[in-house]
Protein backbone atom coordinates (compact mmCIF):
# COMPACT_ATOMS: atom_id res chain seq x y z
CA MET A 1 101.30 136.11 114.25
CA SER A 2 103.05 136.35 117.10
CA VAL A 3 105.89 133.57 118.72
CA SER A 4 103.46 132.50 121.44
CA GLU A 5 100.61 132.19 118.61
CA ASP A 6 102.13 130.23 116.19
CA ARG A 7 103.67 127.84 118.25
CA ALA A 8 99.99 127.52 119.46
CA ARG A 9 98.50 126.64 116.38
CA LEU A 10 101.66 124.00 116.01
CA GLN A 11 100.79 121.98 118.96
CA ARG A 12 98.18 118.90 119.11
CA THR A 13 95.28 119.47 121.20
CA LYS A 14 93.71 116.65 119.72
CA SER A 15 93.58 113.33 120.92
CA VAL A 16 92.37 109.72 118.77
CA GLY A 17 91.60 106.64 119.82
CA PHE A 18 90.49 102.67 119.92
CA ARG A 19 89.96 100.02 121.42
CA VAL A 20 92.63 96.43 119.52
CA ARG A 21 92.34 93.23 121.50
CA PRO A 22 95.40 92.31 123.60
CA SER A 23 96.82 90.52 120.34
CA GLU A 24 96.46 93.45 118.30
CA TYR A 25 98.09 95.47 120.76
CA GLU A 26 101.24 93.29 120.76
CA GLU A 27 101.87 93.87 117.30
CA LEU A 28 101.44 97.62 117.43
CA VAL A 29 103.95 97.35 119.70
CA GLN A 30 106.50 94.79 117.41
CA ALA A 31 105.56 97.16 113.96
CA ALA A 32 106.55 99.91 116.18
CA GLU A 33 109.27 98.81 117.91
CA ALA A 34 110.53 97.18 114.54
CA ALA A 35 110.53 101.36 113.28
CA GLY A 36 112.70 102.23 116.42
CA MET A 37 109.38 104.17 117.31
CA PRO A 38 106.95 104.30 120.71
CA ILE A 39 103.99 103.53 119.84
CA GLY A 40 102.01 106.72 119.92
CA GLU A 41 104.58 108.29 117.00
CA TRP A 42 104.60 105.52 115.23
CA ILE A 43 100.43 105.12 114.77
CA ARG A 44 100.45 108.71 114.32
CA ASP A 45 102.84 108.18 111.10
CA VAL A 46 101.28 105.22 110.00
CA SER A 47 97.30 106.98 110.50
CA LEU A 48 98.84 110.22 108.98
CA ARG A 49 100.77 108.61 106.26
CA ALA A 50 97.11 106.54 104.77
CA ALA A 51 95.18 109.46 105.46
CA ARG A 52 97.17 111.48 103.02
CA GLN A 53 97.59 108.72 100.26
CA GLY A 54 93.52 108.77 100.47
CA ASP A 55 91.17 104.97 99.88
CA ASN A 56 93.96 103.44 97.98
CA ALA A 57 96.50 103.94 100.63
CA ASP A 58 96.18 99.85 101.85
CA CYS A 59 96.27 98.77 98.37
CA GLN A 60 99.03 100.91 97.09
CA SER A 61 101.58 99.68 99.53
CA ALA A 62 100.49 96.19 99.26
CA LEU A 63 100.89 96.28 95.50
CA PRO A 64 104.75 96.18 95.17
CA LYS A 65 104.69 93.13 96.96
CA LEU A 66 101.65 91.44 95.87
CA VAL A 67 103.57 92.29 91.59
CA ARG A 68 106.73 90.81 93.22
CA ILE A 69 104.96 88.08 94.53
CA GLY A 70 103.63 87.36 91.03
CA LEU A 71 106.64 87.86 89.27
CA GLU A 72 108.32 84.97 91.44
CA GLU A 73 105.48 82.68 90.56
CA VAL A 74 105.90 83.33 86.90
CA ALA A 75 109.98 83.12 87.17
CA ALA A 76 109.39 79.97 89.08
CA LEU A 77 107.08 78.27 86.81
CA ARG A 78 109.11 79.41 83.34
CA ALA A 79 112.08 77.10 85.39
CA VAL A 80 109.89 73.94 85.81
CA VAL A 81 108.39 74.23 82.08
CA LEU A 82 111.89 74.26 81.09
CA THR A 83 113.37 71.65 83.72
CA LEU A 84 110.31 69.30 83.05
CA PHE A 85 110.44 69.73 78.63
CA GLY A 86 114.27 69.93 78.19
CA THR A 87 114.06 66.69 80.34
CA THR A 88 111.47 64.97 78.63
CA HIS A 89 112.86 66.28 75.02
CA PRO A 90 116.83 65.45 75.58
CA THR A 91 116.30 65.64 71.94
CA LEU A 92 115.65 69.39 71.82
CA ALA A 93 119.01 71.78 71.49
CA LYS A 94 120.15 74.43 73.87
CA ASP A 95 119.11 77.17 70.67
CA GLU A 96 115.75 75.46 69.83
CA ILE A 97 114.60 76.31 73.61
CA GLU A 98 115.58 79.63 73.78
CA GLN A 99 113.99 80.17 70.58
CA MET A 100 111.19 79.23 72.43
CA LEU A 101 111.93 81.97 75.27
CA ALA A 102 112.41 84.24 72.79
CA TYR A 103 108.92 83.91 71.35
CA ALA A 104 107.29 83.90 74.55
CA ASP A 105 109.01 87.22 75.45
CA SER A 106 108.45 88.86 72.86
CA VAL A 107 103.96 87.97 73.03
CA LYS A 108 104.18 88.10 76.49
CA GLY A 109 103.50 91.87 76.01
CA GLU A 110 101.11 92.06 74.20
CA ARG A 111 99.27 88.89 76.03
CA VAL A 112 98.86 90.68 79.06
CA ASP A 113 97.61 93.77 77.14
CA VAL A 114 94.77 91.81 76.05
CA LEU A 115 93.89 89.41 79.36
CA ILE A 116 93.85 93.10 80.76
CA GLY A 117 91.53 94.46 78.71
CA ARG A 118 89.22 91.98 79.11
CA GLN A 119 88.77 92.91 83.35
CA ALA A 120 88.26 96.80 82.48
């Protein structure tokens, strides 16, 4: 293959377009600017990345955020429960609370497996 044939094969010759509302356009512009890219390059990059990841692209990119939110909520709930438990039971020793936490930590994986198994 000659250099000119190889170059022609690598050139972008196809076009893809879509219409958006003005507010959607502004969202796209802001996202592209945040990525430090011109809007056309950013849209091409995001589109190709999604296409190459398959149908689960949206779920996969959102999953780490959802997992973090879930873990933050669990940690917050744990702190609230411990605070309430400690203030409503002033006779409870610190080591007793730590024993309860250790027990909860020891069974949480098994409990999650049971809950996930129900949904399968």
